[in-house]
Amino acid sequence: MAPLVYITGASSGIGQALAARFHDAGYRLALVARRTADIEAWAAARGIESGRLRIYGADVAQVDDIAAAGAACIAQQGLPDVVIANAGISVGIDTEVREDIDVLARTFAVNNVGLAATFHPFVRGMRQRGSGRLVGIGSVAAIRGLPGHGAYCASKAGVVAYCESLRGELRASGVRVVTLCPGYIDTPLTQGNRYGMPFLMPVDTFAEQALRTIEAGTSYRVIPWQMGIVAKLMRMLPDAVFDLAVKGRGRKKRQGE
């Protein structure tokens, strides 16, 4: 039987591009999103046969909801070979605005708690089987905190640290934990950004490199590689120099802007 990949946030952007690339590589698809109609329309447009695809409606921010989607996948399609916790949100915040604290909480609920809840239904089975890939989608924004990006940067730093912890827990089991940190990828999520995006990469190119990285079981990779160098240089900058470097940088749009 063809291998199975389970992808959250599959209705657009990186998730949809990953679904397309894994399908072309011969995988069966288990795709998760709140907007299931969007996945259905995409699958119909691509001519993906029903026997290679199942769609699960779930809100990643609701633990019981996403856990139930994982359990349904196991029951209907079997234990996946690859699980990609891709669903995420990116909204700017201003800490002095009360409503933005709720945005912060929602960001953590999706990007962090939702990621762990996505993996949860599959860990025991993968450990018992002795194989599998659990893939967390981080970001180069995890490297340093950027003005107006507090919620997103903090959540993605949490993704990197969480996946590193999980990797250590599962190292002896045969289950590989892969952390992917995209730089600037051309998706609806980035197209509204109000600042420069160096080394902007087409989403299909990202998906191709991500597939190779996941299948290799690489523990951590920044895509594109140029942003990995930029991120390391940013991390090395003294705080005073870094603060000057980002002074006046455009802030991420807040909710409603």
Protein backbone atom coordinates (compact mmCIF):
# COMPACT_ATOMS: atom_id res chain seq x y z
CA MET A 1 0.00 0.00 0.00
CA ALA A 2 1.17 3.52 -0.75
CA PRO A 3 2.52 5.52 2.19
CA LEU A 4 0.21 7.97 3.95
CA VAL A 5 0.86 11.62 4.83
CA TYR A 6 -1.34 13.58 7.25
CA ILE A 7 -1.20 17.38 6.84
CA THR A 8 -2.97 20.08 8.85
CA GLY A 9 -3.68 23.51 7.43
CA ALA A 10 -4.01 21.90 4.01
CA SER A 11 -6.56 24.28 2.50
CA SER A 12 -4.03 26.82 1.20
CA GLY A 13 -0.43 27.98 1.15
CA ILE A 14 2.36 25.70 2.31
CA GLY A 15 -0.05 22.96 3.41
CA GLN A 16 -1.69 22.76 0.01
CA ALA A 17 1.66 22.79 -1.79
CA LEU A 18 2.94 19.98 0.44
CA ALA A 19 -0.20 17.98 -0.27
CA ALA A 20 0.35 18.37 -4.02
CA ARG A 21 4.01 17.37 -3.84
CA PHE A 22 3.41 14.33 -1.62
CA HIS A 23 0.56 13.24 -3.89
CA ASP A 24 2.85 13.47 -6.91
CA ALA A 25 5.42 11.38 -4.99
CA GLY A 26 2.87 8.58 -4.64
CA TYR A 27 1.54 9.18 -1.15
CA ARG A 28 -2.05 8.80 -0.04
CA LEU A 29 -3.37 11.99 1.53
CA ALA A 30 -5.09 12.73 4.84
CA LEU A 31 -5.79 16.46 4.77
CA VAL A 32 -7.09 18.54 7.66
CA ALA A 33 -8.53 22.05 7.73
CA ARG A 34 -11.50 24.04 8.93
CA ARG A 35 -12.35 24.98 5.33
CA THR A 36 -12.89 21.49 3.95
CA ALA A 37 -14.74 22.82 0.91
CA ASP A 38 -11.53 24.51 -0.24
CA ILE A 39 -9.67 21.19 -0.12
CA GLU A 40 -12.49 19.47 -1.99
CA ALA A 41 -12.38 22.09 -4.75
CA TRP A 42 -8.59 21.87 -4.97
CA ALA A 43 -8.63 18.06 -5.16
CA ALA A 44 -11.31 18.10 -7.85
CA ALA A 45 -9.34 20.63 -9.90
CA ARG A 46 -6.24 18.44 -9.73
CA GLY A 47 -8.18 15.28 -10.53
CA ILE A 48 -7.09 13.49 -7.34
CA GLU A 49 -8.96 10.20 -7.12
CA SER A 50 -11.06 9.63 -4.00
CA GLY A 51 -9.21 6.44 -3.09
CA ARG A 52 -6.04 8.41 -2.42
CA LEU A 53 -7.58 11.21 -0.39
CA ARG A 54 -9.61 11.73 2.77
CA ILE A 55 -10.51 15.12 4.22
CA TYR A 56 -11.03 15.82 7.92
CA GLY A 57 -12.64 18.97 9.24
CA ALA A 58 -11.07 20.22 12.47
CA ASP A 59 -10.03 23.37 14.31
CA VAL A 60 -6.42 22.85 15.37
CA ALA A 61 -6.94 25.26 18.29
CA GLN A 62 -9.45 22.83 19.83
CA VAL A 63 -7.51 19.92 21.32
CA ASP A 64 -10.37 17.43 21.30
CA ASP A 65 -11.26 18.43 17.75
CA ILE A 66 -7.83 17.83 16.24
CA ALA A 67 -7.26 14.70 18.34
CA ALA A 68 -10.53 13.30 17.00
CA ALA A 69 -9.39 14.02 13.43
CA GLY A 70 -6.21 12.04 14.07
CA ALA A 71 -8.15 9.14 15.52
CA ALA A 72 -10.50 9.18 12.52
CA CYS A 73 -7.52 9.08 10.16
CA ILE A 74 -6.12 5.99 11.89
CA ALA A 75 -9.51 4.28 11.80
CA GLN A 76 -10.21 5.08 8.15
CA GLN A 77 -6.78 5.09 6.50
CA GLY A 78 -4.36 3.55 8.96
CA LEU A 79 -1.38 4.96 10.82
CA PRO A 80 0.37 7.64 8.73
CA ASP A 81 3.99 7.42 7.70
CA VAL A 82 4.36 11.21 7.88
CA VAL A 83 2.46 13.72 10.03
CA ILE A 84 2.98 17.40 9.21
CA ALA A 85 1.73 19.90 11.79
CA ASN A 86 1.55 22.78 9.35
CA ALA A 87 -1.51 24.75 10.53
CA GLY A 88 -0.50 28.13 11.89
CA ILE A 89 -1.52 31.76 12.14
CA SER A 90 0.56 34.91 11.87
CA VAL A 91 -0.91 38.16 13.17
CA GLY A 92 0.82 41.24 14.53
CA ILE A 93 0.13 42.37 18.07
CA ASP A 94 0.51 45.47 20.23
CA THR A 95 0.79 44.50 23.89
CA GLU A 96 -0.88 47.70 25.12
CA VAL A 97 -4.08 46.78 23.23
CA ARG A 98 -6.26 44.44 25.30
CA GLU A 99 -7.76 42.65 22.31
CA ASP A 100 -4.30 41.73 21.08
CA ILE A 101 -3.69 39.63 24.19
CA ASP A 102 -6.53 37.43 22.94
CA VAL A 103 -4.75 37.26 19.57
CA LEU A 104 -1.61 36.13 21.40
CA ALA A 105 -3.56 33.38 23.18
CA ARG A 106 -5.13 32.22 19.91
CA THR A 107 -1.71 32.16 18.23
CA PHE A 108 -0.28 29.92 20.94
CA ALA A 109 -3.40 27.73 20.86
CA VAL A 110 -2.93 27.08 17.13
CA ASN A 111 0.82 27.22 16.65
CA ASN A 112 1.92 25.43 19.83
CA VAL A 113 -0.82 23.52 21.62
CA GLY A 114 -2.36 22.62 18.27
CA LEU A 115 0.95 21.25 17.03
CA ALA A 116 1.34 18.95 20.05
CA ALA A 117 -2.31 17.89 19.77
CA THR A 118 -1.76 17.09 16.08
CA PHE A 119 1.08 14.71 16.94
CA HIS A 120 -0.63 13.19 19.99
CA PRO A 121 -2.86 10.53 18.33
CA PHE A 122 0.05 9.10 16.34
CA VAL A 123 2.98 8.93 18.77
CA ARG A 124 2.12 5.64 20.47
CA GLY A 125 1.40 3.81 17.23
CA MET A 126 4.53 5.11 15.52
CA ARG A 127 6.64 4.18 18.53
CA GLN A 128 5.20 0.66 18.55
CA ARG A 129 5.74 0.33 14.80
CA GLY A 130 9.27 1.70 15.12
CA SER A 131 8.99 4.23 12.30
CA GLY A 132 7.39 7.48 11.22
CA ARG A 133 8.04 11.16 10.67
CA LEU A 134 6.58 13.91 12.87
CA VAL A 135 7.14 17.26 11.18
CA GLY A 136 6.80 20.63 12.90
CA ILE A 137 6.68 23.79 10.78
CA GLY A 138 8.65 26.50 12.55
CA SER A 139 10.00 29.69 10.99
CA VAL A 140 13.16 31.76 10.79
CA ALA A 141 11.08 34.19 12.88
CA ALA A 142 11.89 31.85 15.77
CA ILE A 143 15.50 33.07 15.81
CA ARG A 144 14.95 36.60 17.14
CA GLY A 145 11.98 38.67 18.24
CA LEU A 146 10.92 41.27 15.70
CA PRO A 147 8.95 44.43 16.56
CA GLY A 148 5.21 43.85 16.19
CA HIS A 149 5.76 40.12 15.69
CA GLY A 150 5.78 39.11 19.36
CA ALA A 151 3.06 36.47 19.12
CA TYR A 152 4.40 34.84 15.96
CA CYS A 153 8.09 34.92 16.90
CA ALA A 154 7.43 33.55 20.38
CA SER A 155 5.15 30.80 19.09
CA LYS A 156 7.63 29.66 16.44
CA ALA A 157 10.49 29.69 18.95
CA GLY A 158 8.26 27.41 20.99
CA VAL A 159 7.77 25.10 17.99
CA VAL A 160 11.53 24.71 17.58
CA ALA A 161 12.12 24.00 21.27
CA TYR A 162 9.16 21.62 21.54
CA CYS A 163 10.23 19.60 18.50
CA GLU A 164 13.76 19.39 19.83
CA SER A 165 12.43 18.01 23.11
CA LEU A 166 10.19 15.52 21.32
CA ARG A 167 13.08 14.44 19.11
CA GLY A 168 15.10 13.52 22.18
CA GLU A 169 12.19 11.58 23.66
CA LEU A 170 11.67 9.52 20.50
CA ARG A 171 15.27 9.14 19.34
CA ALA A 172 15.59 5.46 20.32
CA SER A 173 12.17 4.50 18.93
CA GLY A 174 12.86 4.86 15.20
CA VAL A 175 10.41 7.78 14.96
CA ARG A 176 12.08 10.86 13.50
CA VAL A 177 11.09 14.41 14.44
CA VAL A 178 11.79 16.95 11.69
CA THR A 179 11.73 20.71 12.24
CA LEU A 180 11.34 22.81 9.10
CA CYS A 181 11.88 26.56 9.36
CA PRO A 182 10.66 28.35 6.25
CA GLY A 183 12.06 31.73 5.39
CA TYR A 184 9.90 33.94 3.21
CA ILE A 185 7.66 31.70 1.10
CA ASP A 186 5.28 33.17 -1.47
CA THR A 187 1.86 32.30 0.00
CA PRO A 188 -1.29 34.24 0.95
CA LEU A 189 0.19 34.48 4.47
CA THR A 190 3.17 36.54 3.30
CA GLN A 191 1.64 38.47 0.41
CA GLY A 192 0.23 41.13 2.74
CA ASN A 193 3.51 41.79 4.53
CA ARG A 194 4.59 45.44 4.72
CA TYR A 195 8.34 44.88 4.72
CA GLY A 196 11.06 43.46 2.50
CA MET A 197 11.25 39.67 2.16
CA PRO A 198 14.75 38.61 1.07
CA PHE A 199 15.17 35.32 -0.79
CA LEU A 200 11.40 34.98 -1.32
CA MET A 201 10.82 31.41 -2.51
CA PRO A 202 7.96 30.02 -4.64
CA VAL A 203 5.82 27.71 -2.54
CA ASP A 204 6.23 24.75 -4.92
CA THR A 205 10.01 25.00 -4.63
CA PHE A 206 9.68 24.96 -0.85
CA ALA A 207 7.46 21.87 -1.02
CA GLU A 208 10.00 20.02 -3.16
CA GLN A 209 12.84 20.73 -0.73
CA ALA A 210 10.62 19.95 2.24
CA LEU A 211 9.71 16.53 0.82
CA ARG A 212 13.36 15.59 0.41
CA THR A 213 14.19 16.80 3.92
CA ILE A 214 11.31 14.90 5.51
CA GLU A 215 12.04 11.65 3.69
CA ALA A 216 15.69 11.92 4.75
CA GLY A 217 14.61 12.38 8.37
CA THR A 218 16.78 15.49 8.77
CA SER A 219 16.29 16.88 12.27
CA TYR A 220 16.33 20.61 11.43
CA ARG A 221 16.48 22.64 8.25
CA VAL A 222 15.93 26.24 7.20
CA ILE A 223 14.48 26.66 3.69
CA PRO A 224 15.81 28.46 1.70
CA TRP A 225 19.34 27.88 2.95
CA GLN A 226 20.28 31.54 2.49
CA MET A 227 17.83 32.47 5.23
CA GLY A 228 19.57 29.99 7.49
CA ILE A 229 22.76 32.02 7.16
CA VAL A 230 20.86 35.27 7.73
CA ALA A 231 19.24 33.79 10.84
CA LYS A 232 22.58 32.69 12.29
CA LEU A 233 24.05 36.13 11.69
CA MET A 234 21.05 37.77 13.37
CA ARG A 235 21.46 35.50 16.37
CA MET A 236 25.12 36.53 16.71
CA LEU A 237 24.43 40.27 16.68
CA PRO A 238 24.74 42.03 20.05
CA ASP A 239 21.36 43.25 21.26
CA ALA A 240 22.22 46.92 20.74
CA VAL A 241 23.23 46.30 17.13
CA PHE A 242 20.21 44.12 16.46
CA ASP A 243 17.85 46.75 17.91
CA LEU A 244 19.31 49.38 15.58
CA ALA A 245 19.06 47.01 12.62
CA VAL A 246 15.31 46.50 13.07
CA LYS A 247 14.51 50.10 14.05
CA GLY A 248 11.80 51.42 11.77
CA ARG A 249 11.12 48.00 10.25
CA GLY A 250 7.54 47.50 9.08
CA ARG A 251 5.34 45.76 11.61
CA LYS A 252 3.15 42.77 10.85
CA LYS A 253 -0.49 43.68 10.30
CA ARG A 254 -2.65 43.41 13.39
CA GLN A 255 -6.02 41.68 13.36
CA GLY A 256 -8.50 43.76 11.38
CA GLU A 257 -5.89 45.88 9.61
